[in-house]
Amino acid sequence: MDPAKVREALLGGFANSRVLEVHGQRLLDGNYTPGFKARLHQKDMRIVLDAAASWASRFPAPLSSLSFSMP
């Protein structure tokens, strides 16, 4: 399959998103330069884990805690 044609088809349907539009083109161009700081990922995961801990009985998130550890 031609990756550019796959991206074009997805952009025309329900999969269309700004992320696919921008980052899909970056992938086609071979541009793998990081675009988001790791510390911001850590901040977001801390929010997820804190929320999950406070609602653990109703919304367990075992994979989130396995995929992220913060000192």
PDB file of N, CA and C in Angstrom:
ATOM      1  N   MET A   1       0.836  -1.177   0.000  1.00  0.00           N
ATOM      2  CA  MET A   1       0.000   0.000   0.000  1.00  0.00           C
ATOM      3  C   MET A   1       0.882   1.241   0.000  1.00  0.00           C
ATOM      4  N   ASP A   2       0.401   2.236  -0.655  1.00  0.00           N
ATOM      5  CA  ASP A   2       1.089   3.516  -0.684  1.00  0.00           C
ATOM      6  C   ASP A   2       0.688   4.306   0.575  1.00  0.00           C
ATOM      7  N   PRO A   3       1.626   4.565   1.479  1.00  0.00           N
ATOM      8  CA  PRO A   3       1.288   5.271   2.729  1.00  0.00           C
ATOM      9  C   PRO A   3       0.616   6.621   2.501  1.00  0.00           C
ATOM     10  N   ALA A   4       1.008   7.336   1.479  1.00  0.00           N
ATOM     11  CA  ALA A   4       0.392   8.639   1.209  1.00  0.00           C
ATOM     12  C   ALA A   4      -1.081   8.481   0.846  1.00  0.00           C
ATOM     13  N   LYS A   5      -1.404   7.419   0.085  1.00  0.00           N
ATOM     14  CA  LYS A   5      -2.803   7.183  -0.292  1.00  0.00           C
ATOM     15  C   LYS A   5      -3.625   6.727   0.911  1.00  0.00           C
ATOM     16  N   VAL A   6      -3.023   5.951   1.801  1.00  0.00           N
ATOM     17  CA  VAL A   6      -3.716   5.538   3.027  1.00  0.00           C
ATOM     18  C   VAL A   6      -4.038   6.761   3.868  1.00  0.00           C
ATOM     19  N   ARG A   7      -3.055   7.635   4.045  1.00  0.00           N
ATOM     20  CA  ARG A   7      -3.274   8.863   4.818  1.00  0.00           C
ATOM     21  C   ARG A   7      -4.380   9.700   4.182  1.00  0.00           C
ATOM     22  N   GLU A   8      -4.322   9.849   2.870  1.00  0.00           N
ATOM     23  CA  GLU A   8      -5.328  10.633   2.164  1.00  0.00           C
ATOM     24  C   GLU A   8      -6.729  10.050   2.367  1.00  0.00           C
ATOM     25  N   ALA A   9      -6.857   8.732   2.294  1.00  0.00           N
ATOM     26  CA  ALA A   9      -8.156   8.082   2.504  1.00  0.00           C
ATOM     27  C   ALA A   9      -8.658   8.303   3.922  1.00  0.00           C
ATOM     28  N   LEU A  10      -7.762   8.184   4.907  1.00  0.00           N
ATOM     29  CA  LEU A  10      -8.166   8.382   6.298  1.00  0.00           C
ATOM     30  C   LEU A  10      -8.577   9.820   6.565  1.00  0.00           C
ATOM     31  N   LEU A  11      -7.887  10.776   5.952  1.00  0.00           N
ATOM     32  CA  LEU A  11      -8.229  12.185   6.141  1.00  0.00           C
ATOM     33  C   LEU A  11      -9.617  12.505   5.600  1.00  0.00           C
ATOM     34  N   GLY A  12     -10.103  11.715   4.659  1.00  0.00           N
ATOM     35  CA  GLY A  12     -11.408  11.962   4.070  1.00  0.00           C
ATOM     36  C   GLY A  12     -12.559  11.320   4.822  1.00  0.00           C
ATOM     37  N   GLY A  13     -12.272  10.591   5.887  1.00  0.00           N
ATOM     38  CA  GLY A  13     -13.332   9.905   6.625  1.00  0.00           C
ATOM     39  C   GLY A  13     -13.368  10.301   8.079  1.00  0.00           C
ATOM     40  N   PHE A  14     -13.939   9.416   8.892  1.00  0.00           N
ATOM     41  CA  PHE A  14     -14.089   9.694  10.315  1.00  0.00           C
ATOM     42  C   PHE A  14     -12.758   9.703  11.066  1.00  0.00           C
ATOM     43  N   ALA A  15     -11.709   9.154  10.480  1.00  0.00           N
ATOM     44  CA  ALA A  15     -10.391   9.149  11.125  1.00  0.00           C
ATOM     45  C   ALA A  15      -9.692  10.498  10.992  1.00  0.00           C
ATOM     46  N   ASN A  16     -10.276  11.405  10.240  1.00  0.00           N
ATOM     47  CA  ASN A  16      -9.665  12.714  10.029  1.00  0.00           C
ATOM     48  C   ASN A  16      -9.434  13.421  11.363  1.00  0.00           C
ATOM     49  N   SER A  17      -8.236  13.929  11.529  1.00  0.00           N
ATOM     50  CA  SER A  17      -7.907  14.696  12.730  1.00  0.00           C
ATOM     51  C   SER A  17      -6.712  15.577  12.433  1.00  0.00           C
ATOM     52  N   ARG A  18      -6.523  16.563  13.251  1.00  0.00           N
ATOM     53  CA  ARG A  18      -5.365  17.448  13.098  1.00  0.00           C
ATOM     54  C   ARG A  18      -4.069  16.660  13.322  1.00  0.00           C
ATOM     55  N   VAL A  19      -4.114  15.708  14.247  1.00  0.00           N
ATOM     56  CA  VAL A  19      -2.930  14.890  14.520  1.00  0.00           C
ATOM     57  C   VAL A  19      -2.539  14.096  13.276  1.00  0.00           C
ATOM     58  N   LEU A  20      -3.509  13.451  12.645  1.00  0.00           N
ATOM     59  CA  LEU A  20      -3.222  12.690  11.424  1.00  0.00           C
ATOM     60  C   LEU A  20      -2.746  13.613  10.308  1.00  0.00           C
ATOM     61  N   GLU A  21      -3.355  14.761  10.211  1.00  0.00           N
ATOM     62  CA  GLU A  21      -2.984  15.712   9.172  1.00  0.00           C
ATOM     63  C   GLU A  21      -1.517  16.143   9.312  1.00  0.00           C
ATOM     64  N   VAL A  22      -1.131  16.549  10.509  1.00  0.00           N
ATOM     65  CA  VAL A  22       0.227  17.065  10.729  1.00  0.00           C
ATOM     66  C   VAL A  22       1.244  15.946  10.864  1.00  0.00           C
ATOM     67  N   HIS A  23       1.003  15.020  11.788  1.00  0.00           N
ATOM     68  CA  HIS A  23       1.999  13.994  12.072  1.00  0.00           C
ATOM     69  C   HIS A  23       2.026  12.910  10.996  1.00  0.00           C
ATOM     70  N   GLY A  24       0.915  12.675  10.341  1.00  0.00           N
ATOM     71  CA  GLY A  24       0.919  11.737   9.225  1.00  0.00           C
ATOM     72  C   GLY A  24       1.845  12.224   8.118  1.00  0.00           C
ATOM     73  N   GLN A  25       1.798  13.510   7.856  1.00  0.00           N
ATOM     74  CA  GLN A  25       2.688  14.078   6.844  1.00  0.00           C
ATOM     75  C   GLN A  25       4.138  14.012   7.306  1.00  0.00           C
ATOM     76  N   ARG A  26       4.372  14.253   8.587  1.00  0.00           N
ATOM     77  CA  ARG A  26       5.740  14.151   9.119  1.00  0.00           C
ATOM     78  C   ARG A  26       6.292  12.737   8.920  1.00  0.00           C
ATOM     79  N   LEU A  27       5.467  11.723   9.156  1.00  0.00           N
ATOM     80  CA  LEU A  27       5.909  10.343   8.951  1.00  0.00           C
ATOM     81  C   LEU A  27       6.218  10.079   7.478  1.00  0.00           C
ATOM     82  N   LEU A  28       5.353  10.558   6.601  1.00  0.00           N
ATOM     83  CA  LEU A  28       5.598  10.375   5.165  1.00  0.00           C
ATOM     84  C   LEU A  28       6.896  11.053   4.735  1.00  0.00           C
ATOM     85  N   ASP A  29       7.214  12.180   5.367  1.00  0.00           N
ATOM     86  CA  ASP A  29       8.430  12.918   5.042  1.00  0.00           C
ATOM     87  C   ASP A  29       9.670  12.343   5.723  1.00  0.00           C
ATOM     88  N   GLY A  30       9.476  11.353   6.619  1.00  0.00           N
ATOM     89  CA  GLY A  30      10.608  10.781   7.342  1.00  0.00           C
ATOM     90  C   GLY A  30      11.102  11.690   8.454  1.00  0.00           C
ATOM     91  N   ASN A  31      10.259  12.603   8.904  1.00  0.00           N
ATOM     92  CA  ASN A  31      10.625  13.549   9.959  1.00  0.00           C
ATOM     93  C   ASN A  31      10.199  12.977  11.304  1.00  0.00           C
ATOM     94  N   TYR A  32      11.158  12.453  12.049  1.00  0.00           N
ATOM     95  CA  TYR A  32      10.879  11.837  13.343  1.00  0.00           C
ATOM     96  C   TYR A  32      11.381  12.698  14.496  1.00  0.00           C
ATOM     97  N   THR A  33      11.557  13.977  14.251  1.00  0.00           N
ATOM     98  CA  THR A  33      11.995  14.905  15.291  1.00  0.00           C
ATOM     99  C   THR A  33      10.931  14.967  16.380  1.00  0.00           C
ATOM    100  N   PRO A  34      11.328  14.797  17.639  1.00  0.00           N
ATOM    101  CA  PRO A  34      10.343  14.873  18.723  1.00  0.00           C
ATOM    102  C   PRO A  34       9.644  16.227  18.724  1.00  0.00           C
ATOM    103  N   GLY A  35       8.366  16.198  19.043  1.00  0.00           N
ATOM    104  CA  GLY A  35       7.598  17.434  19.046  1.00  0.00           C
ATOM    105  C   GLY A  35       6.944  17.738  20.374  1.00  0.00           C
ATOM    106  N   PHE A  36       7.177  16.913  21.373  1.00  0.00           N
ATOM    107  CA  PHE A  36       6.522  17.100  22.671  1.00  0.00           C
ATOM    108  C   PHE A  36       7.528  16.718  23.744  1.00  0.00           C
ATOM    109  N   LYS A  37       7.663  17.542  24.743  1.00  0.00           N
ATOM    110  CA  LYS A  37       8.664  17.314  25.781  1.00  0.00           C
ATOM    111  C   LYS A  37       8.247  16.184  26.727  1.00  0.00           C
ATOM    112  N   ALA A  38       9.221  15.360  27.103  1.00  0.00           N
ATOM    113  CA  ALA A  38       8.958  14.228  28.001  1.00  0.00           C
ATOM    114  C   ALA A  38       8.394  14.697  29.334  1.00  0.00           C
ATOM    115  N   ARG A  39       8.814  15.846  29.807  1.00  0.00           N
ATOM    116  CA  ARG A  39       8.300  16.331  31.103  1.00  0.00           C
ATOM    117  C   ARG A  39       6.797  16.613  31.034  1.00  0.00           C
ATOM    118  N   LEU A  40       6.304  16.990  29.853  1.00  0.00           N
ATOM    119  CA  LEU A  40       4.870  17.216  29.709  1.00  0.00           C
ATOM    120  C   LEU A  40       4.111  15.888  29.688  1.00  0.00           C
ATOM    121  N   HIS A  41       4.710  14.864  29.092  1.00  0.00           N
ATOM    122  CA  HIS A  41       4.120  13.522  29.158  1.00  0.00           C
ATOM    123  C   HIS A  41       4.057  13.066  30.613  1.00  0.00           C
ATOM    124  N   GLN A  42       5.132  13.304  31.355  1.00  0.00           N
ATOM    125  CA  GLN A  42       5.161  12.920  32.770  1.00  0.00           C
ATOM    126  C   GLN A  42       4.069  13.635  33.553  1.00  0.00           C
ATOM    127  N   LYS A  43       3.902  14.926  33.300  1.00  0.00           N
ATOM    128  CA  LYS A  43       2.864  15.699  33.986  1.00  0.00           C
ATOM    129  C   LYS A  43       1.483  15.103  33.692  1.00  0.00           C
ATOM    130  N   ASP A  44       1.226  14.825  32.422  1.00  0.00           N
ATOM    131  CA  ASP A  44      -0.076  14.278  32.037  1.00  0.00           C
ATOM    132  C   ASP A  44      -0.320  12.905  32.655  1.00  0.00           C
ATOM    133  N   MET A  45       0.708  12.057  32.669  1.00  0.00           N
ATOM    134  CA  MET A  45       0.553  10.730  33.272  1.00  0.00           C
ATOM    135  C   MET A  45       0.356  10.819  34.776  1.00  0.00           C
ATOM    136  N   ARG A  46       0.998  11.784  35.415  1.00  0.00           N
ATOM    137  CA  ARG A  46       0.790  11.977  36.856  1.00  0.00           C
ATOM    138  C   ARG A  46      -0.674  12.335  37.123  1.00  0.00           C
ATOM    139  N   ILE A  47      -1.259  13.176  36.287  1.00  0.00           N
ATOM    140  CA  ILE A  47      -2.676  13.550  36.423  1.00  0.00           C
ATOM    141  C   ILE A  47      -3.554  12.308  36.261  1.00  0.00           C
ATOM    142  N   VAL A  48      -3.257  11.490  35.260  1.00  0.00           N
ATOM    143  CA  VAL A  48      -4.022  10.256  35.035  1.00  0.00           C
ATOM    144  C   VAL A  48      -3.928   9.338  36.250  1.00  0.00           C
ATOM    145  N   LEU A  49      -2.704   9.122  36.742  1.00  0.00           N
ATOM    146  CA  LEU A  49      -2.514   8.202  37.868  1.00  0.00           C
ATOM    147  C   LEU A  49      -3.141   8.731  39.144  1.00  0.00           C
ATOM    148  N   ASP A  50      -3.058  10.028  39.370  1.00  0.00           N
ATOM    149  CA  ASP A  50      -3.698  10.608  40.558  1.00  0.00           C
ATOM    150  C   ASP A  50      -5.213  10.454  40.485  1.00  0.00           C
ATOM    151  N   ALA A  51      -5.770  10.717  39.317  1.00  0.00           N
ATOM    152  CA  ALA A  51      -7.219  10.566  39.142  1.00  0.00           C
ATOM    153  C   ALA A  51      -7.624   9.106  39.310  1.00  0.00           C
ATOM    154  N   ALA A  52      -6.850   8.206  38.731  1.00  0.00           N
ATOM    155  CA  ALA A  52      -7.167   6.779  38.847  1.00  0.00           C
ATOM    156  C   ALA A  52      -7.080   6.319  40.295  1.00  0.00           C
ATOM    157  N   ALA A  53      -6.108   6.822  41.034  1.00  0.00           N
ATOM    158  CA  ALA A  53      -5.962   6.434  42.443  1.00  0.00           C
ATOM    159  C   ALA A  53      -7.158   6.903  43.266  1.00  0.00           C
ATOM    160  N   SER A  54      -7.660   8.077  42.974  1.00  0.00           N
ATOM    161  CA  SER A  54      -8.785   8.588  43.751  1.00  0.00           C
ATOM    162  C   SER A  54     -10.106   7.901  43.386  1.00  0.00           C
ATOM    163  N   TRP A  55     -10.151   7.272  42.233  1.00  0.00           N
ATOM    164  CA  TRP A  55     -11.359   6.571  41.782  1.00  0.00           C
ATOM    165  C   TRP A  55     -11.064   5.097  41.532  1.00  0.00           C
ATOM    166  N   ALA A  56     -10.076   4.542  42.208  1.00  0.00           N
ATOM    167  CA  ALA A  56      -9.586   3.189  41.920  1.00  0.00           C
ATOM    168  C   ALA A  56     -10.681   2.126  41.939  1.00  0.00           C
ATOM    169  N   SER A  57     -11.635   2.263  42.811  1.00  0.00           N
ATOM    170  CA  SER A  57     -12.666   1.227  42.888  1.00  0.00           C
ATOM    171  C   SER A  57     -13.616   1.265  41.685  1.00  0.00           C
ATOM    172  N   ARG A  58     -13.725   2.426  41.053  1.00  0.00           N
ATOM    173  CA  ARG A  58     -14.633   2.542  39.910  1.00  0.00           C
ATOM    174  C   ARG A  58     -13.914   2.550  38.560  1.00  0.00           C
ATOM    175  N   PHE A  59     -12.679   3.057  38.545  1.00  0.00           N
ATOM    176  CA  PHE A  59     -11.937   3.197  37.295  1.00  0.00           C
ATOM    177  C   PHE A  59     -10.494   2.716  37.450  1.00  0.00           C
ATOM    178  N   PRO A  60     -10.283   1.422  37.567  1.00  0.00           N
ATOM    179  CA  PRO A  60      -8.905   0.945  37.701  1.00  0.00           C
ATOM    180  C   PRO A  60      -8.108   1.241  36.416  1.00  0.00           C
ATOM    181  N   ALA A  61      -6.835   1.535  36.589  1.00  0.00           N
ATOM    182  CA  ALA A  61      -5.968   1.830  35.440  1.00  0.00           C
ATOM    183  C   ALA A  61      -4.638   1.109  35.614  1.00  0.00           C
ATOM    184  N   PRO A  62      -4.667  -0.231  35.656  1.00  0.00           N
ATOM    185  CA  PRO A  62      -3.436  -0.961  35.945  1.00  0.00           C
ATOM    186  C   PRO A  62      -2.341  -0.769  34.904  1.00  0.00           C
ATOM    187  N   LEU A  63      -2.688  -0.630  33.644  1.00  0.00           N
ATOM    188  CA  LEU A  63      -1.651  -0.473  32.617  1.00  0.00           C
ATOM    189  C   LEU A  63      -0.991   0.888  32.682  1.00  0.00           C
ATOM    190  N   SER A  64      -1.731   1.908  33.076  1.00  0.00           N
ATOM    191  CA  SER A  64      -1.126   3.237  33.216  1.00  0.00           C
ATOM    192  C   SER A  64      -0.023   3.222  34.244  1.00  0.00           C
ATOM    193  N   SER A  65      -0.266   2.584  35.371  1.00  0.00           N
ATOM    194  CA  SER A  65       0.760   2.554  36.402  1.00  0.00           C
ATOM    195  C   SER A  65       1.939   1.672  36.000  1.00  0.00           C
ATOM    196  N   LEU A  66       1.708   0.650  35.182  1.00  0.00           N
ATOM    197  CA  LEU A  66       2.805  -0.196  34.710  1.00  0.00           C
ATOM    198  C   LEU A  66       3.669   0.512  33.674  1.00  0.00           C
ATOM    199  N   SER A  67       3.054   1.386  32.885  1.00  0.00           N
ATOM    200  CA  SER A  67       3.781   2.011  31.790  1.00  0.00           C
ATOM    201  C   SER A  67       4.507   3.279  32.200  1.00  0.00           C
ATOM    202  N   PHE A  68       4.317   3.710  33.425  1.00  0.00           N
ATOM    203  CA  PHE A  68       4.894   4.989  33.841  1.00  0.00           C
ATOM    204  C   PHE A  68       5.342   4.909  35.289  1.00  0.00           C
ATOM    205  N   SER A  69       6.538   5.339  35.528  1.00  0.00           N
ATOM    206  CA  SER A  69       6.992   5.488  36.922  1.00  0.00           C
ATOM    207  C   SER A  69       7.720   6.798  37.025  1.00  0.00           C
ATOM    208  N   MET A  70       7.514   7.454  38.133  1.00  0.00           N
ATOM    209  CA  MET A  70       8.104   8.770  38.344  1.00  0.00           C
ATOM    210  C   MET A  70       8.705   8.788  39.723  1.00  0.00           C
ATOM    211  N   PRO A  71       9.929   9.245  39.833  1.00  0.00           N
ATOM    212  CA  PRO A  71      10.570   9.262  41.169  1.00  0.00           C
ATOM    213  C   PRO A  71       9.870  10.164  42.143  1.00  0.00           C
TER     214      PRO A  71
END
